[in-house]
């Protein structure tokens, strides 16, 4: 029977992107040996699924905290952005949308001052 400590570890390792094969080696059975991938999936299905979502949430919260902190640091922001683009599959969107979700088209020749 998995322990709470093992469940937490699997959730964290899965969230950090560690392959299941490696997670199975880290989780020890009663004899102190790693478990099979089938055993890992059978006993830790929820943790494997929830780990990625939980870590992405943690990083997104960190990025928001840094972005709203006047003393935030650029290296931390860069790390958060990298994580969210690669692990959470966020992408930069250069388009603007109206409240109905339609793209706003800007006329480059329009007079800015009116």
C-alpha atoms as a PDB file:
ATOM      1  CA  UNK A   1       0.000   0.000   0.000  1.00  0.00           C
ATOM      2  CA  UNK A   2       1.509   3.377  -1.006  1.00  0.00           C
ATOM      3  CA  UNK A   3       2.376   5.817   1.757  1.00  0.00           C
ATOM      4  CA  UNK A   4       1.389   9.485   1.787  1.00  0.00           C
ATOM      5  CA  UNK A   5       5.086  10.326   1.432  1.00  0.00           C
ATOM      6  CA  UNK A   6       5.347   8.184  -1.720  1.00  0.00           C
ATOM      7  CA  UNK A   7       2.203   9.766  -3.170  1.00  0.00           C
ATOM      8  CA  UNK A   8       3.620  13.244  -2.604  1.00  0.00           C
ATOM      9  CA  UNK A   9       6.949  12.258  -4.149  1.00  0.00           C
ATOM     10  CA  UNK A  10       5.299  10.755  -7.253  1.00  0.00           C
ATOM     11  CA  UNK A  11       3.125  13.873  -7.675  1.00  0.00           C
ATOM     12  CA  UNK A  12       6.186  16.138  -7.428  1.00  0.00           C
ATOM     13  CA  UNK A  13       8.412  14.083  -9.722  1.00  0.00           C
ATOM     14  CA  UNK A  14       5.673  13.708 -12.311  1.00  0.00           C
ATOM     15  CA  UNK A  15       5.020  17.438 -12.138  1.00  0.00           C
ATOM     16  CA  UNK A  16       8.683  18.210 -12.688  1.00  0.00           C
ATOM     17  CA  UNK A  17       8.635  16.107 -15.833  1.00  0.00           C
ATOM     18  CA  UNK A  18      10.550  13.047 -14.666  1.00  0.00           C
ATOM     19  CA  UNK A  19       9.779  10.047 -16.916  1.00  0.00           C
ATOM     20  CA  UNK A  20       7.688   7.276 -15.358  1.00  0.00           C
ATOM     21  CA  UNK A  21      10.569   4.852 -15.784  1.00  0.00           C
ATOM     22  CA  UNK A  22      12.716   6.982 -13.476  1.00  0.00           C
ATOM     23  CA  UNK A  23       9.911   7.613 -10.985  1.00  0.00           C
ATOM     24  CA  UNK A  24       9.423   3.837 -10.716  1.00  0.00           C
ATOM     25  CA  UNK A  25      13.114   3.463  -9.821  1.00  0.00           C
ATOM     26  CA  UNK A  26      12.834   6.077  -7.064  1.00  0.00           C
ATOM     27  CA  UNK A  27       9.726   4.590  -5.403  1.00  0.00           C
ATOM     28  CA  UNK A  28      10.829   1.642  -3.314  1.00  0.00           C
ATOM     29  CA  UNK A  29       8.859  -1.490  -2.493  1.00  0.00           C
ATOM     30  CA  UNK A  30       9.010  -3.333   0.856  1.00  0.00           C
ATOM     31  CA  UNK A  31      12.302  -4.942  -0.193  1.00  0.00           C
ATOM     32  CA  UNK A  32      13.861  -1.556  -0.908  1.00  0.00           C
ATOM     33  CA  UNK A  33      13.863  -1.979  -4.674  1.00  0.00           C
ATOM     34  CA  UNK A  34      12.229   0.141  -7.344  1.00  0.00           C
ATOM     35  CA  UNK A  35       8.805  -0.804  -8.610  1.00  0.00           C
ATOM     36  CA  UNK A  36       7.667  -1.632 -12.135  1.00  0.00           C
ATOM     37  CA  UNK A  37       6.042   0.989 -14.348  1.00  0.00           C
ATOM     38  CA  UNK A  38       2.829  -1.073 -14.302  1.00  0.00           C
ATOM     39  CA  UNK A  39       2.815  -0.998 -10.492  1.00  0.00           C
ATOM     40  CA  UNK A  40       3.524   2.728 -10.523  1.00  0.00           C
ATOM     41  CA  UNK A  41       0.601   3.416 -12.856  1.00  0.00           C
ATOM     42  CA  UNK A  42      -1.712   1.064 -10.949  1.00  0.00           C
ATOM     43  CA  UNK A  43      -1.059   2.545  -7.497  1.00  0.00           C
ATOM     44  CA  UNK A  44      -0.257   6.168  -8.388  1.00  0.00           C
ATOM     45  CA  UNK A  45      -2.571   6.923 -11.322  1.00  0.00           C
ATOM     46  CA  UNK A  46      -4.021  10.083  -9.733  1.00  0.00           C
ATOM     47  CA  UNK A  47      -0.651  11.400  -8.611  1.00  0.00           C
ATOM     48  CA  UNK A  48       0.837  10.927 -12.078  1.00  0.00           C
ATOM     49  CA  UNK A  49      -2.085  12.791 -13.636  1.00  0.00           C
ATOM     50  CA  UNK A  50      -2.321  15.566 -11.028  1.00  0.00           C
ATOM     51  CA  UNK A  51       1.400  16.236 -10.705  1.00  0.00           C
ATOM     52  CA  UNK A  52       1.775  18.202 -13.923  1.00  0.00           C
ATOM     53  CA  UNK A  53      -1.298  20.338 -13.269  1.00  0.00           C
ATOM     54  CA  UNK A  54      -0.170  21.075  -9.701  1.00  0.00           C
ATOM     55  CA  UNK A  55       3.344  22.107 -10.732  1.00  0.00           C
ATOM     56  CA  UNK A  56       2.043  24.283 -13.562  1.00  0.00           C
ATOM     57  CA  UNK A  57      -0.266  25.973 -11.064  1.00  0.00           C
ATOM     58  CA  UNK A  58       2.637  26.540  -8.664  1.00  0.00           C
ATOM     59  CA  UNK A  59       4.808  28.103 -11.375  1.00  0.00           C
ATOM     60  CA  UNK A  60       1.936  30.227 -12.714  1.00  0.00           C
ATOM     61  CA  UNK A  61       1.292  31.564  -9.203  1.00  0.00           C
ATOM     62  CA  UNK A  62       4.995  32.325  -8.833  1.00  0.00           C
ATOM     63  CA  UNK A  63       5.074  34.185 -12.128  1.00  0.00           C
ATOM     64  CA  UNK A  64       2.033  36.216 -11.110  1.00  0.00           C
ATOM     65  CA  UNK A  65       3.630  37.055  -7.737  1.00  0.00           C
ATOM     66  CA  UNK A  66       6.860  38.144  -9.438  1.00  0.00           C
ATOM     67  CA  UNK A  67       4.995  40.132 -12.093  1.00  0.00           C
ATOM     68  CA  UNK A  68       3.026  42.034  -9.468  1.00  0.00           C
ATOM     69  CA  UNK A  69       5.996  42.621  -7.164  1.00  0.00           C
ATOM     70  CA  UNK A  70       7.808  45.887  -7.870  1.00  0.00           C
ATOM     71  CA  UNK A  71      11.047  44.283  -6.639  1.00  0.00           C
ATOM     72  CA  UNK A  72      10.740  41.102  -8.786  1.00  0.00           C
ATOM     73  CA  UNK A  73      13.829  39.774 -10.505  1.00  0.00           C
ATOM     74  CA  UNK A  74      14.315  39.127 -14.214  1.00  0.00           C
ATOM     75  CA  UNK A  75      16.004  35.698 -13.818  1.00  0.00           C
ATOM     76  CA  UNK A  76      13.004  34.358 -11.903  1.00  0.00           C
ATOM     77  CA  UNK A  77      10.596  35.737 -14.488  1.00  0.00           C
ATOM     78  CA  UNK A  78      12.605  34.160 -17.294  1.00  0.00           C
ATOM     79  CA  UNK A  79      12.581  30.809 -15.502  1.00  0.00           C
ATOM     80  CA  UNK A  80       8.810  30.978 -14.966  1.00  0.00           C
ATOM     81  CA  UNK A  81       8.159  31.895 -18.587  1.00  0.00           C
ATOM     82  CA  UNK A  82      10.397  29.079 -19.795  1.00  0.00           C
ATOM     83  CA  UNK A  83       8.560  26.579 -17.572  1.00  0.00           C
ATOM     84  CA  UNK A  84       5.116  27.714 -18.662  1.00  0.00           C
ATOM     85  CA  UNK A  85       5.990  27.680 -22.359  1.00  0.00           C
ATOM     86  CA  UNK A  86       7.669  24.261 -22.280  1.00  0.00           C
ATOM     87  CA  UNK A  87       5.809  22.370 -19.554  1.00  0.00           C
ATOM     88  CA  UNK A  88       2.394  24.038 -19.448  1.00  0.00           C
ATOM     89  CA  UNK A  89       2.391  24.632 -23.224  1.00  0.00           C
ATOM     90  CA  UNK A  90       1.517  28.283 -22.820  1.00  0.00           C
ATOM     91  CA  UNK A  91       2.291  30.373 -25.848  1.00  0.00           C
ATOM     92  CA  UNK A  92       2.728  34.007 -26.594  1.00  0.00           C
ATOM     93  CA  UNK A  93      -0.238  35.555 -28.324  1.00  0.00           C
ATOM     94  CA  UNK A  94       0.433  38.790 -30.163  1.00  0.00           C
ATOM     95  CA  UNK A  95      -3.204  39.270 -31.138  1.00  0.00           C
ATOM     96  CA  UNK A  96      -5.793  41.310 -29.310  1.00  0.00           C
ATOM     97  CA  UNK A  97      -9.399  40.208 -29.017  1.00  0.00           C
ATOM     98  CA  UNK A  98     -12.681  41.988 -28.361  1.00  0.00           C
ATOM     99  CA  UNK A  99     -15.023  40.772 -25.565  1.00  0.00           C
ATOM    100  CA  UNK A 100     -16.646  38.334 -28.036  1.00  0.00           C
ATOM    101  CA  UNK A 101     -13.331  36.672 -28.842  1.00  0.00           C
ATOM    102  CA  UNK A 102     -12.975  38.182 -32.312  1.00  0.00           C
ATOM    103  CA  UNK A 103      -9.537  39.427 -33.413  1.00  0.00           C
ATOM    104  CA  UNK A 104      -9.117  43.198 -33.351  1.00  0.00           C
ATOM    105  CA  UNK A 105      -7.553  44.415 -36.557  1.00  0.00           C
ATOM    106  CA  UNK A 106      -5.500  47.566 -36.375  1.00  0.00           C
ATOM    107  CA  UNK A 107      -5.051  49.888 -39.328  1.00  0.00           C
ATOM    108  CA  UNK A 108      -1.318  50.756 -39.458  1.00  0.00           C
ATOM    109  CA  UNK A 109      -2.156  53.910 -41.408  1.00  0.00           C
ATOM    110  CA  UNK A 110      -4.672  55.189 -38.861  1.00  0.00           C
ATOM    111  CA  UNK A 111      -3.984  58.517 -37.191  1.00  0.00           C
ATOM    112  CA  UNK A 112      -3.140  57.740 -33.548  1.00  0.00           C
ATOM    113  CA  UNK A 113      -4.018  61.206 -32.325  1.00  0.00           C
ATOM    114  CA  UNK A 114      -7.447  61.090 -33.945  1.00  0.00           C
END
